[in-house]
Amino acid sequence: MPRDLSKFMPPDLVDSKCTECGAEIPAKSYAAHFTGLCCGVEYNGAPSVYAALQKWLNGPVEGIGITRPTEPEYRGALTIRNAYDIKSDAEFAARLREWAREVWAAYAPQHELARSWIEKALGE
């Protein structure tokens, strides 16, 4: 039985499209998932960063100035299913972090973009 991911990651990442979807998602959704992933990996999931991202992304896409980049063909060897059916919360959290690091590494060419979006959200 799948876990309730909301205990381990923000709601906008629970249905993350970063690894499991080849379909086009809108720029704002892409930015939400991608910056959320960056926050989780590089900011240790800081609630203040997630809150700033959510506030920033609530504006119109034209006003916040984002364009959806092309996803890399390779998105990592793991999917979120790597964390399913794990019995302990500690092991589940470890598997979730492993998946996030794998996906983040696959998106290396776009790291600076995610960081720049977070900087905008934080007002830096």
PDB file of N, CA and C in Angstrom:
ATOM      1  N   MET A   1       0.845  -1.186   0.000  1.00  0.00           N
ATOM      2  CA  MET A   1       0.000   0.000   0.000  1.00  0.00           C
ATOM      3  C   MET A   1       0.886   1.245   0.000  1.00  0.00           C
ATOM      4  N   PRO A   2       0.648   2.196  -0.893  1.00  0.00           N
ATOM      5  CA  PRO A   2       1.457   3.411  -0.965  1.00  0.00           C
ATOM      6  C   PRO A   2       1.361   4.241   0.311  1.00  0.00           C
ATOM      7  N   ARG A   3       2.424   4.937   0.621  1.00  0.00           N
ATOM      8  CA  ARG A   3       2.514   5.811   1.785  1.00  0.00           C
ATOM      9  C   ARG A   3       1.846   7.147   1.532  1.00  0.00           C
ATOM     10  N   ASP A   4       1.510   7.816   2.640  1.00  0.00           N
ATOM     11  CA  ASP A   4       1.046   9.195   2.579  1.00  0.00           C
ATOM     12  C   ASP A   4       2.290  10.070   2.500  1.00  0.00           C
ATOM     13  N   LEU A   5       2.614  10.528   1.300  1.00  0.00           N
ATOM     14  CA  LEU A   5       3.834  11.311   1.092  1.00  0.00           C
ATOM     15  C   LEU A   5       3.780  12.678   1.739  1.00  0.00           C
ATOM     16  N   SER A   6       2.595  13.183   2.050  1.00  0.00           N
ATOM     17  CA  SER A   6       2.472  14.540   2.573  1.00  0.00           C
ATOM     18  C   SER A   6       3.162  14.713   3.922  1.00  0.00           C
ATOM     19  N   LYS A   7       3.468  13.618   4.626  1.00  0.00           N
ATOM     20  CA  LYS A   7       4.206  13.720   5.883  1.00  0.00           C
ATOM     21  C   LYS A   7       5.687  13.983   5.643  1.00  0.00           C
ATOM     22  N   PHE A   8       6.143  13.761   4.421  1.00  0.00           N
ATOM     23  CA  PHE A   8       7.564  13.812   4.143  1.00  0.00           C
ATOM     24  C   PHE A   8       7.975  14.877   3.132  1.00  0.00           C
ATOM     25  N   MET A   9       7.002  15.482   2.460  1.00  0.00           N
ATOM     26  CA  MET A   9       7.317  16.472   1.441  1.00  0.00           C
ATOM     27  C   MET A   9       6.126  17.403   1.275  1.00  0.00           C
ATOM     28  N   PRO A  10       6.347  18.609   0.740  1.00  0.00           N
ATOM     29  CA  PRO A  10       5.240  19.539   0.589  1.00  0.00           C
ATOM     30  C   PRO A  10       4.209  19.020  -0.406  1.00  0.00           C
ATOM     31  N   PRO A  11       2.953  19.444  -0.231  1.00  0.00           N
ATOM     32  CA  PRO A  11       1.870  18.927  -1.072  1.00  0.00           C
ATOM     33  C   PRO A  11       2.090  19.071  -2.572  1.00  0.00           C
ATOM     34  N   ASP A  12       2.742  20.153  -3.007  1.00  0.00           N
ATOM     35  CA  ASP A  12       2.912  20.332  -4.449  1.00  0.00           C
ATOM     36  C   ASP A  12       3.893  19.327  -5.052  1.00  0.00           C
ATOM     37  N   LEU A  13       4.669  18.655  -4.214  1.00  0.00           N
ATOM     38  CA  LEU A  13       5.587  17.649  -4.736  1.00  0.00           C
ATOM     39  C   LEU A  13       5.047  16.233  -4.616  1.00  0.00           C
ATOM     40  N   VAL A  14       3.970  16.073  -3.858  1.00  0.00           N
ATOM     41  CA  VAL A  14       3.425  14.732  -3.664  1.00  0.00           C
ATOM     42  C   VAL A  14       3.083  14.089  -4.998  1.00  0.00           C
ATOM     43  N   ASP A  15       2.573  14.869  -5.928  1.00  0.00           N
ATOM     44  CA  ASP A  15       2.244  14.359  -7.257  1.00  0.00           C
ATOM     45  C   ASP A  15       3.299  14.835  -8.258  1.00  0.00           C
ATOM     46  N   SER A  16       4.554  14.749  -7.861  1.00  0.00           N
ATOM     47  CA  SER A  16       5.638  15.299  -8.659  1.00  0.00           C
ATOM     48  C   SER A  16       5.692  14.740 -10.065  1.00  0.00           C
ATOM     49  N   LYS A  17       5.876  15.631 -11.015  1.00  0.00           N
ATOM     50  CA  LYS A  17       5.975  15.247 -12.416  1.00  0.00           C
ATOM     51  C   LYS A  17       7.431  15.121 -12.859  1.00  0.00           C
ATOM     52  N   CYS A  18       8.374  15.379 -11.985  1.00  0.00           N
ATOM     53  CA  CYS A  18       9.770  15.427 -12.402  1.00  0.00           C
ATOM     54  C   CYS A  18      10.283  14.125 -12.978  1.00  0.00           C
ATOM     55  N   THR A  19       9.798  12.989 -12.497  1.00  0.00           N
ATOM     56  CA  THR A  19      10.320  11.729 -13.031  1.00  0.00           C
ATOM     57  C   THR A  19       9.290  10.919 -13.766  1.00  0.00           C
ATOM     58  N   GLU A  20       8.031  11.102 -13.480  1.00  0.00           N
ATOM     59  CA  GLU A  20       7.051  10.165 -13.979  1.00  0.00           C
ATOM     60  C   GLU A  20       6.207  10.637 -15.131  1.00  0.00           C
ATOM     61  N   CYS A  21       6.428  11.827 -15.595  1.00  0.00           N
ATOM     62  CA  CYS A  21       5.542  12.344 -16.625  1.00  0.00           C
ATOM     63  C   CYS A  21       6.361  12.841 -17.801  1.00  0.00           C
ATOM     64  N   GLY A  22       6.070  12.342 -18.957  1.00  0.00           N
ATOM     65  CA  GLY A  22       6.722  12.844 -20.144  1.00  0.00           C
ATOM     66  C   GLY A  22       5.899  13.926 -20.810  1.00  0.00           C
ATOM     67  N   ALA A  23       4.674  14.118 -20.339  1.00  0.00           N
ATOM     68  CA  ALA A  23       3.779  15.103 -20.940  1.00  0.00           C
ATOM     69  C   ALA A  23       4.186  16.512 -20.544  1.00  0.00           C
ATOM     70  N   GLU A  24       3.810  17.439 -21.372  1.00  0.00           N
ATOM     71  CA  GLU A  24       4.058  18.847 -21.084  1.00  0.00           C
ATOM     72  C   GLU A  24       3.202  19.287 -19.909  1.00  0.00           C
ATOM     73  N   ILE A  25       3.812  19.930 -18.945  1.00  0.00           N
ATOM     74  CA  ILE A  25       3.061  20.564 -17.874  1.00  0.00           C
ATOM     75  C   ILE A  25       3.327  22.057 -17.991  1.00  0.00           C
ATOM     76  N   PRO A  26       2.398  22.888 -17.537  1.00  0.00           N
ATOM     77  CA  PRO A  26       2.578  24.333 -17.668  1.00  0.00           C
ATOM     78  C   PRO A  26       3.823  24.833 -16.936  1.00  0.00           C
ATOM     79  N   ALA A  27       4.312  25.987 -17.371  1.00  0.00           N
ATOM     80  CA  ALA A  27       5.530  26.569 -16.801  1.00  0.00           C
ATOM     81  C   ALA A  27       5.435  26.718 -15.290  1.00  0.00           C
ATOM     82  N   LYS A  28       4.307  27.176 -14.808  1.00  0.00           N
ATOM     83  CA  LYS A  28       4.149  27.395 -13.373  1.00  0.00           C
ATOM     84  C   LYS A  28       4.202  26.082 -12.594  1.00  0.00           C
ATOM     85  N   SER A  29       3.571  25.053 -13.112  1.00  0.00           N
ATOM     86  CA  SER A  29       3.617  23.741 -12.454  1.00  0.00           C
ATOM     87  C   SER A  29       5.034  23.177 -12.474  1.00  0.00           C
ATOM     88  N   TYR A  30       5.690  23.321 -13.596  1.00  0.00           N
ATOM     89  CA  TYR A  30       7.077  22.861 -13.701  1.00  0.00           C
ATOM     90  C   TYR A  30       7.936  23.587 -12.676  1.00  0.00           C
ATOM     91  N   ALA A  31       7.782  24.909 -12.614  1.00  0.00           N
ATOM     92  CA  ALA A  31       8.562  25.703 -11.659  1.00  0.00           C
ATOM     93  C   ALA A  31       8.270  25.285 -10.220  1.00  0.00           C
ATOM     94  N   ALA A  32       7.011  25.011  -9.905  1.00  0.00           N
ATOM     95  CA  ALA A  32       6.653  24.595  -8.546  1.00  0.00           C
ATOM     96  C   ALA A  32       7.329  23.274  -8.186  1.00  0.00           C
ATOM     97  N   HIS A  33       7.250  22.294  -9.081  1.00  0.00           N
ATOM     98  CA  HIS A  33       7.857  20.997  -8.808  1.00  0.00           C
ATOM     99  C   HIS A  33       9.379  21.095  -8.762  1.00  0.00           C
ATOM    100  N   PHE A  34       9.937  21.810  -9.723  1.00  0.00           N
ATOM    101  CA  PHE A  34      11.387  21.872  -9.854  1.00  0.00           C
ATOM    102  C   PHE A  34      12.030  22.664  -8.720  1.00  0.00           C
ATOM    103  N   THR A  35      11.448  23.814  -8.369  1.00  0.00           N
ATOM    104  CA  THR A  35      12.008  24.587  -7.253  1.00  0.00           C
ATOM    105  C   THR A  35      11.750  23.877  -5.929  1.00  0.00           C
ATOM    106  N   GLY A  36      10.632  23.159  -5.836  1.00  0.00           N
ATOM    107  CA  GLY A  36      10.377  22.374  -4.631  1.00  0.00           C
ATOM    108  C   GLY A  36      11.415  21.283  -4.451  1.00  0.00           C
ATOM    109  N   LEU A  37      11.789  20.645  -5.547  1.00  0.00           N
ATOM    110  CA  LEU A  37      12.838  19.634  -5.512  1.00  0.00           C
ATOM    111  C   LEU A  37      14.160  20.266  -5.087  1.00  0.00           C
ATOM    112  N   CYS A  38      14.485  21.406  -5.667  1.00  0.00           N
ATOM    113  CA  CYS A  38      15.711  22.123  -5.309  1.00  0.00           C
ATOM    114  C   CYS A  38      15.702  22.483  -3.825  1.00  0.00           C
ATOM    115  N   CYS A  39      14.586  22.983  -3.339  1.00  0.00           N
ATOM    116  CA  CYS A  39      14.467  23.339  -1.929  1.00  0.00           C
ATOM    117  C   CYS A  39      14.689  22.114  -1.049  1.00  0.00           C
ATOM    118  N   GLY A  40      14.086  21.007  -1.426  1.00  0.00           N
ATOM    119  CA  GLY A  40      14.233  19.793  -0.640  1.00  0.00           C
ATOM    120  C   GLY A  40      15.665  19.310  -0.571  1.00  0.00           C
ATOM    121  N   VAL A  41      16.383  19.390  -1.690  1.00  0.00           N
ATOM    122  CA  VAL A  41      17.748  18.873  -1.755  1.00  0.00           C
ATOM    123  C   VAL A  41      18.769  19.886  -1.244  1.00  0.00           C
ATOM    124  N   GLU A  42      18.665  21.139  -1.689  1.00  0.00           N
ATOM    125  CA  GLU A  42      19.700  22.121  -1.368  1.00  0.00           C
ATOM    126  C   GLU A  42      19.392  22.993  -0.149  1.00  0.00           C
ATOM    127  N   TYR A  43      18.132  23.082   0.245  1.00  0.00           N
ATOM    128  CA  TYR A  43      17.744  23.905   1.395  1.00  0.00           C
ATOM    129  C   TYR A  43      17.181  23.041   2.528  1.00  0.00           C
ATOM    130  N   ASN A  44      17.402  21.725   2.436  1.00  0.00           N
ATOM    131  CA  ASN A  44      16.925  20.788   3.446  1.00  0.00           C
ATOM    132  C   ASN A  44      15.429  20.933   3.724  1.00  0.00           C
ATOM    133  N   GLY A  45      14.683  21.277   2.686  1.00  0.00           N
ATOM    134  CA  GLY A  45      13.231  21.386   2.827  1.00  0.00           C
ATOM    135  C   GLY A  45      12.778  22.503   3.744  1.00  0.00           C
ATOM    136  N   ALA A  46      13.505  23.592   3.765  1.00  0.00           N
ATOM    137  CA  ALA A  46      13.182  24.707   4.672  1.00  0.00           C
ATOM    138  C   ALA A  46      11.764  25.226   4.429  1.00  0.00           C
ATOM    139  N   PRO A  47      10.913  25.170   5.454  1.00  0.00           N
ATOM    140  CA  PRO A  47       9.535  25.658   5.298  1.00  0.00           C
ATOM    141  C   PRO A  47       9.453  27.108   4.827  1.00  0.00           C
ATOM    142  N   SER A  48      10.393  27.932   5.247  1.00  0.00           N
ATOM    143  CA  SER A  48      10.373  29.343   4.835  1.00  0.00           C
ATOM    144  C   SER A  48      10.615  29.481   3.333  1.00  0.00           C
ATOM    145  N   VAL A  49      11.447  28.611   2.771  1.00  0.00           N
ATOM    146  CA  VAL A  49      11.704  28.651   1.327  1.00  0.00           C
ATOM    147  C   VAL A  49      10.481  28.138   0.569  1.00  0.00           C
ATOM    148  N   TYR A  50       9.889  27.037   1.048  1.00  0.00           N
ATOM    149  CA  TYR A  50       8.667  26.544   0.410  1.00  0.00           C
ATOM    150  C   TYR A  50       7.577  27.611   0.440  1.00  0.00           C
ATOM    151  N   ALA A  51       7.438  28.317   1.560  1.00  0.00           N
ATOM    152  CA  ALA A  51       6.409  29.366   1.676  1.00  0.00           C
ATOM    153  C   ALA A  51       6.684  30.506   0.702  1.00  0.00           C
ATOM    154  N   ALA A  52       7.949  30.904   0.585  1.00  0.00           N
ATOM    155  CA  ALA A  52       8.305  31.973  -0.357  1.00  0.00           C
ATOM    156  C   ALA A  52       8.023  31.547  -1.797  1.00  0.00           C
ATOM    157  N   LEU A  53       8.319  30.297  -2.112  1.00  0.00           N
ATOM    158  CA  LEU A  53       8.052  29.785  -3.458  1.00  0.00           C
ATOM    159  C   LEU A  53       6.554  29.799  -3.752  1.00  0.00           C
ATOM    160  N   GLN A  54       5.767  29.350  -2.800  1.00  0.00           N
ATOM    161  CA  GLN A  54       4.324  29.328  -3.001  1.00  0.00           C
ATOM    162  C   GLN A  54       3.778  30.735  -3.220  1.00  0.00           C
ATOM    163  N   LYS A  55       4.237  31.678  -2.431  1.00  0.00           N
ATOM    164  CA  LYS A  55       3.788  33.075  -2.580  1.00  0.00           C
ATOM    165  C   LYS A  55       4.216  33.618  -3.948  1.00  0.00           C
ATOM    166  N   TRP A  56       5.446  33.369  -4.334  1.00  0.00           N
ATOM    167  CA  TRP A  56       5.971  33.853  -5.614  1.00  0.00           C
ATOM    168  C   TRP A  56       5.192  33.252  -6.784  1.00  0.00           C
ATOM    169  N   LEU A  57       4.902  31.970  -6.694  1.00  0.00           N
ATOM    170  CA  LEU A  57       4.213  31.289  -7.789  1.00  0.00           C
ATOM    171  C   LEU A  57       2.723  31.618  -7.861  1.00  0.00           C
ATOM    172  N   ASN A  58       2.188  32.275  -6.865  1.00  0.00           N
ATOM    173  CA  ASN A  58       0.778  32.664  -6.909  1.00  0.00           C
ATOM    174  C   ASN A  58       0.520  33.818  -7.876  1.00  0.00           C
ATOM    175  N   GLY A  59       1.559  34.486  -8.324  1.00  0.00           N
ATOM    176  CA  GLY A  59       1.399  35.565  -9.293  1.00  0.00           C
ATOM    177  C   GLY A  59       1.200  35.021 -10.696  1.00  0.00           C
ATOM    178  N   PRO A  60       0.767  35.891 -11.619  1.00  0.00           N
ATOM    179  CA  PRO A  60       0.602  35.436 -13.008  1.00  0.00           C
ATOM    180  C   PRO A  60       1.960  35.072 -13.609  1.00  0.00           C
ATOM    181  N   VAL A  61       1.973  34.042 -14.435  1.00  0.00           N
ATOM    182  CA  VAL A  61       3.223  33.534 -14.998  1.00  0.00           C
ATOM    183  C   VAL A  61       3.988  34.635 -15.738  1.00  0.00           C
ATOM    184  N   GLU A  62       3.265  35.521 -16.406  1.00  0.00           N
ATOM    185  CA  GLU A  62       3.938  36.609 -17.124  1.00  0.00           C
ATOM    186  C   GLU A  62       4.604  37.573 -16.142  1.00  0.00           C
ATOM    187  N   GLY A  63       3.964  37.781 -15.000  1.00  0.00           N
ATOM    188  CA  GLY A  63       4.486  38.706 -13.997  1.00  0.00           C
ATOM    189  C   GLY A  63       5.708  38.192 -13.267  1.00  0.00           C
ATOM    190  N   ILE A  64       5.814  36.875 -13.145  1.00  0.00           N
ATOM    191  CA  ILE A  64       6.977  36.338 -12.438  1.00  0.00           C
ATOM    192  C   ILE A  64       8.109  35.956 -13.394  1.00  0.00           C
ATOM    193  N   GLY A  65       7.823  35.992 -14.671  1.00  0.00           N
ATOM    194  CA  GLY A  65       8.865  35.843 -15.677  1.00  0.00           C
ATOM    195  C   GLY A  65       9.496  34.469 -15.784  1.00  0.00           C
ATOM    196  N   ILE A  66       8.676  33.442 -15.875  1.00  0.00           N
ATOM    197  CA  ILE A  66       9.241  32.106 -16.056  1.00  0.00           C
ATOM    198  C   ILE A  66       8.815  31.529 -17.398  1.00  0.00           C
ATOM    199  N   THR A  67       9.724  30.803 -17.976  1.00  0.00           N
ATOM    200  CA  THR A  67       9.467  30.060 -19.204  1.00  0.00           C
ATOM    201  C   THR A  67       9.841  28.616 -18.917  1.00  0.00           C
ATOM    202  N   ARG A  68       8.994  27.725 -19.329  1.00  0.00           N
ATOM    203  CA  ARG A  68       9.239  26.309 -19.066  1.00  0.00           C
ATOM    204  C   ARG A  68      10.362  25.787 -19.942  1.00  0.00           C
ATOM    205  N   PRO A  69      11.424  25.264 -19.315  1.00  0.00           N
ATOM    206  CA  PRO A  69      12.498  24.668 -20.112  1.00  0.00           C
ATOM    207  C   PRO A  69      12.112  23.266 -20.569  1.00  0.00           C
ATOM    208  N   THR A  70      12.898  22.722 -21.458  1.00  0.00           N
ATOM    209  CA  THR A  70      12.700  21.345 -21.908  1.00  0.00           C
ATOM    210  C   THR A  70      13.293  20.409 -20.872  1.00  0.00           C
ATOM    211  N   GLU A  71      12.547  19.381 -20.537  1.00  0.00           N
ATOM    212  CA  GLU A  71      13.043  18.407 -19.569  1.00  0.00           C
ATOM    213  C   GLU A  71      14.170  17.591 -20.190  1.00  0.00           C
ATOM    214  N   PRO A  72      15.102  17.157 -19.357  1.00  0.00           N
ATOM    215  CA  PRO A  72      16.138  16.261 -19.890  1.00  0.00           C
ATOM    216  C   PRO A  72      15.512  14.915 -20.266  1.00  0.00           C
ATOM    217  N   GLU A  73      16.103  14.259 -21.225  1.00  0.00           N
ATOM    218  CA  GLU A  73      15.585  12.942 -21.623  1.00  0.00           C
ATOM    219  C   GLU A  73      15.727  11.935 -20.490  1.00  0.00           C
ATOM    220  N   TYR A  74      16.862  11.961 -19.821  1.00  0.00           N
ATOM    221  CA  TYR A  74      17.099  11.042 -18.705  1.00  0.00           C
ATOM    222  C   TYR A  74      16.747  11.767 -17.409  1.00  0.00           C
ATOM    223  N   ARG A  75      15.867  11.177 -16.615  1.00  0.00           N
ATOM    224  CA  ARG A  75      15.403  11.814 -15.385  1.00  0.00           C
ATOM    225  C   ARG A  75      15.812  11.034 -14.141  1.00  0.00           C
ATOM    226  N   GLY A  76      16.771  10.166 -14.284  1.00  0.00           N
ATOM    227  CA  GLY A  76      17.240   9.381 -13.155  1.00  0.00           C
ATOM    228  C   GLY A  76      16.743   7.948 -13.223  1.00  0.00           C
ATOM    229  N   ALA A  77      17.441   7.070 -12.546  1.00  0.00           N
ATOM    230  CA  ALA A  77      17.098   5.653 -12.575  1.00  0.00           C
ATOM    231  C   ALA A  77      15.956   5.308 -11.624  1.00  0.00           C
ATOM    232  N   LEU A  78      15.752   6.128 -10.607  1.00  0.00           N
ATOM    233  CA  LEU A  78      14.718   5.856  -9.611  1.00  0.00           C
ATOM    234  C   LEU A  78      13.460   6.651  -9.896  1.00  0.00           C
ATOM    235  N   THR A  79      12.334   6.120  -9.480  1.00  0.00           N
ATOM    236  CA  THR A  79      11.081   6.877  -9.482  1.00  0.00           C
ATOM    237  C   THR A  79      10.599   6.928  -8.040  1.00  0.00           C
ATOM    238  N   ILE A  80       9.547   7.672  -7.803  1.00  0.00           N
ATOM    239  CA  ILE A  80       8.980   7.789  -6.466  1.00  0.00           C
ATOM    240  C   ILE A  80       8.546   6.424  -5.931  1.00  0.00           C
ATOM    241  N   ARG A  81       8.310   5.496  -6.829  1.00  0.00           N
ATOM    242  CA  ARG A  81       7.923   4.147  -6.387  1.00  0.00           C
ATOM    243  C   ARG A  81       9.024   3.468  -5.577  1.00  0.00           C
ATOM    244  N   ASN A  82      10.251   3.981  -5.676  1.00  0.00           N
ATOM    245  CA  ASN A  82      11.352   3.472  -4.866  1.00  0.00           C
ATOM    246  C   ASN A  82      11.026   3.542  -3.373  1.00  0.00           C
ATOM    247  N   ALA A  83      10.162   4.465  -3.003  1.00  0.00           N
ATOM    248  CA  ALA A  83       9.831   4.661  -1.592  1.00  0.00           C
ATOM    249  C   ALA A  83       8.526   3.977  -1.177  1.00  0.00           C
ATOM    250  N   TYR A  84       7.802   3.394  -2.103  1.00  0.00           N
ATOM    251  CA  TYR A  84       6.522   2.748  -1.771  1.00  0.00           C
ATOM    252  C   TYR A  84       6.755   1.443  -1.012  1.00  0.00           C
ATOM    253  N   ASP A  85       5.770   1.086  -0.251  1.00  0.00           N
ATOM    254  CA  ASP A  85       5.724  -0.197   0.459  1.00  0.00           C
ATOM    255  C   ASP A  85       6.865  -0.400   1.459  1.00  0.00           C
ATOM    256  N   ILE A  86       7.417   0.661   1.958  1.00  0.00           N
ATOM    257  CA  ILE A  86       8.452   0.579   2.980  1.00  0.00           C
ATOM    258  C   ILE A  86       7.761   0.640   4.338  1.00  0.00           C
ATOM    259  N   LYS A  87       8.162  -0.217   5.244  1.00  0.00           N
ATOM    260  CA  LYS A  87       7.458  -0.345   6.526  1.00  0.00           C
ATOM    261  C   LYS A  87       7.753   0.793   7.506  1.00  0.00           C
ATOM    262  N   SER A  88       9.005   1.158   7.691  1.00  0.00           N
ATOM    263  CA  SER A  88       9.339   2.159   8.704  1.00  0.00           C
ATOM    264  C   SER A  88       9.399   3.562   8.116  1.00  0.00           C
ATOM    265  N   ASP A  89       9.013   4.538   8.930  1.00  0.00           N
ATOM    266  CA  ASP A  89       9.089   5.939   8.492  1.00  0.00           C
ATOM    267  C   ASP A  89      10.525   6.345   8.197  1.00  0.00           C
ATOM    268  N   ALA A  90      11.470   5.869   8.997  1.00  0.00           N
ATOM    269  CA  ALA A  90      12.874   6.231   8.786  1.00  0.00           C
ATOM    270  C   ALA A  90      13.381   5.719   7.440  1.00  0.00           C
ATOM    271  N   GLU A  91      13.083   4.472   7.110  1.00  0.00           N
ATOM    272  CA  GLU A  91      13.518   3.914   5.824  1.00  0.00           C
ATOM    273  C   GLU A  91      12.796   4.592   4.670  1.00  0.00           C
ATOM    274  N   PHE A  92      11.522   4.884   4.879  1.00  0.00           N
ATOM    275  CA  PHE A  92      10.747   5.572   3.848  1.00  0.00           C
ATOM    276  C   PHE A  92      11.357   6.938   3.552  1.00  0.00           C
ATOM    277  N   ALA A  93      11.659   7.703   4.601  1.00  0.00           N
ATOM    278  CA  ALA A  93      12.259   9.027   4.424  1.00  0.00           C
ATOM    279  C   ALA A  93      13.611   8.917   3.729  1.00  0.00           C
ATOM    280  N   ALA A  94      14.393   7.897   4.080  1.00  0.00           N
ATOM    281  CA  ALA A  94      15.698   7.701   3.442  1.00  0.00           C
ATOM    282  C   ALA A  94      15.534   7.398   1.956  1.00  0.00           C
ATOM    283  N   ARG A  95      14.582   6.555   1.606  1.00  0.00           N
ATOM    284  CA  ARG A  95      14.331   6.229   0.196  1.00  0.00           C
ATOM    285  C   ARG A  95      13.840   7.449  -0.568  1.00  0.00           C
ATOM    286  N   LEU A  96      13.013   8.257   0.077  1.00  0.00           N
ATOM    287  CA  LEU A  96      12.508   9.473  -0.562  1.00  0.00           C
ATOM    288  C   LEU A  96      13.652  10.442  -0.846  1.00  0.00           C
ATOM    289  N   ARG A  97      14.562  10.594   0.114  1.00  0.00           N
ATOM    290  CA  ARG A  97      15.734  11.464  -0.093  1.00  0.00           C
ATOM    291  C   ARG A  97      16.617  10.914  -1.210  1.00  0.00           C
ATOM    292  N   GLU A  98      16.780   9.596  -1.256  1.00  0.00           N
ATOM    293  CA  GLU A  98      17.579   8.963  -2.313  1.00  0.00           C
ATOM    294  C   GLU A  98      16.975   9.268  -3.685  1.00  0.00           C
ATOM    295  N   TRP A  99      15.663   9.133  -3.803  1.00  0.00           N
ATOM    296  CA  TRP A  99      14.970   9.443  -5.055  1.00  0.00           C
ATOM    297  C   TRP A  99      15.173  10.919  -5.425  1.00  0.00           C
ATOM    298  N   ALA A 100      14.989  11.812  -4.460  1.00  0.00           N
ATOM    299  CA  ALA A 100      15.121  13.250  -4.734  1.00  0.00           C
ATOM    300  C   ALA A 100      16.533  13.592  -5.211  1.00  0.00           C
ATOM    301  N   ARG A 101      17.544  13.039  -4.562  1.00  0.00           N
ATOM    302  CA  ARG A 101      18.930  13.299  -4.996  1.00  0.00           C
ATOM    303  C   ARG A 101      19.180  12.784  -6.405  1.00  0.00           C
ATOM    304  N   GLU A 102      18.634  11.614  -6.723  1.00  0.00           N
ATOM    305  CA  GLU A 102      18.785  11.021  -8.056  1.00  0.00           C
ATOM    306  C   GLU A 102      18.166  11.916  -9.123  1.00  0.00           C
ATOM    307  N   VAL A 103      16.951  12.377  -8.870  1.00  0.00           N
ATOM    308  CA  VAL A 103      16.264  13.241  -9.833  1.00  0.00           C
ATOM    309  C   VAL A 103      17.004  14.565  -9.955  1.00  0.00           C
ATOM    310  N   TRP A 104      17.402  15.135  -8.825  1.00  0.00           N
ATOM    311  CA  TRP A 104      18.111  16.415  -8.836  1.00  0.00           C
ATOM    312  C   TRP A 104      19.394  16.297  -9.663  1.00  0.00           C
ATOM    313  N   ALA A 105      20.120  15.218  -9.516  1.00  0.00           N
ATOM    314  CA  ALA A 105      21.345  15.014 -10.293  1.00  0.00           C
ATOM    315  C   ALA A 105      21.043  14.929 -11.786  1.00  0.00           C
ATOM    316  N   ALA A 106      19.952  14.287 -12.152  1.00  0.00           N
ATOM    317  CA  ALA A 106      19.582  14.169 -13.563  1.00  0.00           C
ATOM    318  C   ALA A 106      19.265  15.524 -14.185  1.00  0.00           C
ATOM    319  N   TYR A 107      18.817  16.447 -13.376  1.00  0.00           N
ATOM    320  CA  TYR A 107      18.465  17.789 -13.856  1.00  0.00           C
ATOM    321  C   TYR A 107      19.619  18.786 -13.699  1.00  0.00           C
ATOM    322  N   ALA A 108      20.838  18.303 -13.560  1.00  0.00           N
ATOM    323  CA  ALA A 108      22.003  19.163 -13.331  1.00  0.00           C
ATOM    324  C   ALA A 108      22.109  20.346 -14.302  1.00  0.00           C
ATOM    325  N   PRO A 109      21.837  20.164 -15.595  1.00  0.00           N
ATOM    326  CA  PRO A 109      21.945  21.314 -16.499  1.00  0.00           C
ATOM    327  C   PRO A 109      20.976  22.462 -16.170  1.00  0.00           C
ATOM    328  N   GLN A 110      19.968  22.182 -15.357  1.00  0.00           N
ATOM    329  CA  GLN A 110      18.982  23.219 -15.025  1.00  0.00           C
ATOM    330  C   GLN A 110      19.080  23.699 -13.577  1.00  0.00           C
ATOM    331  N   HIS A 111      20.109  23.287 -12.852  1.00  0.00           N
ATOM    332  CA  HIS A 111      20.247  23.693 -11.457  1.00  0.00           C
ATOM    333  C   HIS A 111      20.280  25.204 -11.278  1.00  0.00           C
ATOM    334  N   GLU A 112      21.039  25.880 -12.119  1.00  0.00           N
ATOM    335  CA  GLU A 112      21.141  27.338 -11.977  1.00  0.00           C
ATOM    336  C   GLU A 112      19.787  28.018 -12.192  1.00  0.00           C
ATOM    337  N   LEU A 113      18.992  27.474 -13.080  1.00  0.00           N
ATOM    338  CA  LEU A 113      17.654  28.018 -13.314  1.00  0.00           C
ATOM    339  C   LEU A 113      16.805  27.890 -12.046  1.00  0.00           C
ATOM    340  N   ALA A 114      16.789  26.707 -11.443  1.00  0.00           N
ATOM    341  CA  ALA A 114      16.016  26.495 -10.213  1.00  0.00           C
ATOM    342  C   ALA A 114      16.515  27.417  -9.108  1.00  0.00           C
ATOM    343  N   ARG A 115      17.816  27.536  -8.980  1.00  0.00           N
ATOM    344  CA  ARG A 115      18.377  28.424  -7.947  1.00  0.00           C
ATOM    345  C   ARG A 115      17.989  29.880  -8.197  1.00  0.00           C
ATOM    346  N   SER A 116      17.978  30.284  -9.461  1.00  0.00           N
ATOM    347  CA  SER A 116      17.609  31.678  -9.758  1.00  0.00           C
ATOM    348  C   SER A 116      16.144  31.932  -9.443  1.00  0.00           C
ATOM    349  N   TRP A 117      15.294  30.948  -9.703  1.00  0.00           N
ATOM    350  CA  TRP A 117      13.877  31.095  -9.355  1.00  0.00           C
ATOM    351  C   TRP A 117      13.699  31.192  -7.850  1.00  0.00           C
ATOM    352  N   ILE A 118      14.456  30.402  -7.101  1.00  0.00           N
ATOM    353  CA  ILE A 118      14.361  30.470  -5.638  1.00  0.00           C
ATOM    354  C   ILE A 118      14.853  31.823  -5.157  1.00  0.00           C
ATOM    355  N   GLU A 119      15.927  32.314  -5.733  1.00  0.00           N
ATOM    356  CA  GLU A 119      16.422  33.642  -5.355  1.00  0.00           C
ATOM    357  C   GLU A 119      15.363  34.715  -5.605  1.00  0.00           C
ATOM    358  N   LYS A 120      14.669  34.632  -6.734  1.00  0.00           N
ATOM    359  CA  LYS A 120      13.583  35.582  -7.020  1.00  0.00           C
ATOM    360  C   LYS A 120      12.493  35.463  -5.954  1.00  0.00           C
ATOM    361  N   ALA A 121      12.125  34.228  -5.626  1.00  0.00           N
ATOM    362  CA  ALA A 121      11.084  34.005  -4.636  1.00  0.00           C
ATOM    363  C   ALA A 121      11.467  34.562  -3.267  1.00  0.00           C
ATOM    364  N   LEU A 122      12.753  34.459  -2.944  1.00  0.00           N
ATOM    365  CA  LEU A 122      13.235  34.952  -1.665  1.00  0.00           C
ATOM    366  C   LEU A 122      13.536  36.443  -1.686  1.00  0.00           C
ATOM    367  N   GLY A 123      13.433  37.042  -2.878  1.00  0.00           N
ATOM    368  CA  GLY A 123      13.699  38.472  -3.002  1.00  0.00           C
ATOM    369  C   GLY A 123      15.159  38.831  -2.958  1.00  0.00           C
ATOM    370  N   GLU A 124      16.011  37.884  -3.360  1.00  0.00           N
ATOM    371  CA  GLU A 124      17.469  38.133  -3.344  1.00  0.00           C
ATOM    372  C   GLU A 124      17.944  38.728  -4.639  1.00  0.00           C
TER     373      GLU A 124
END
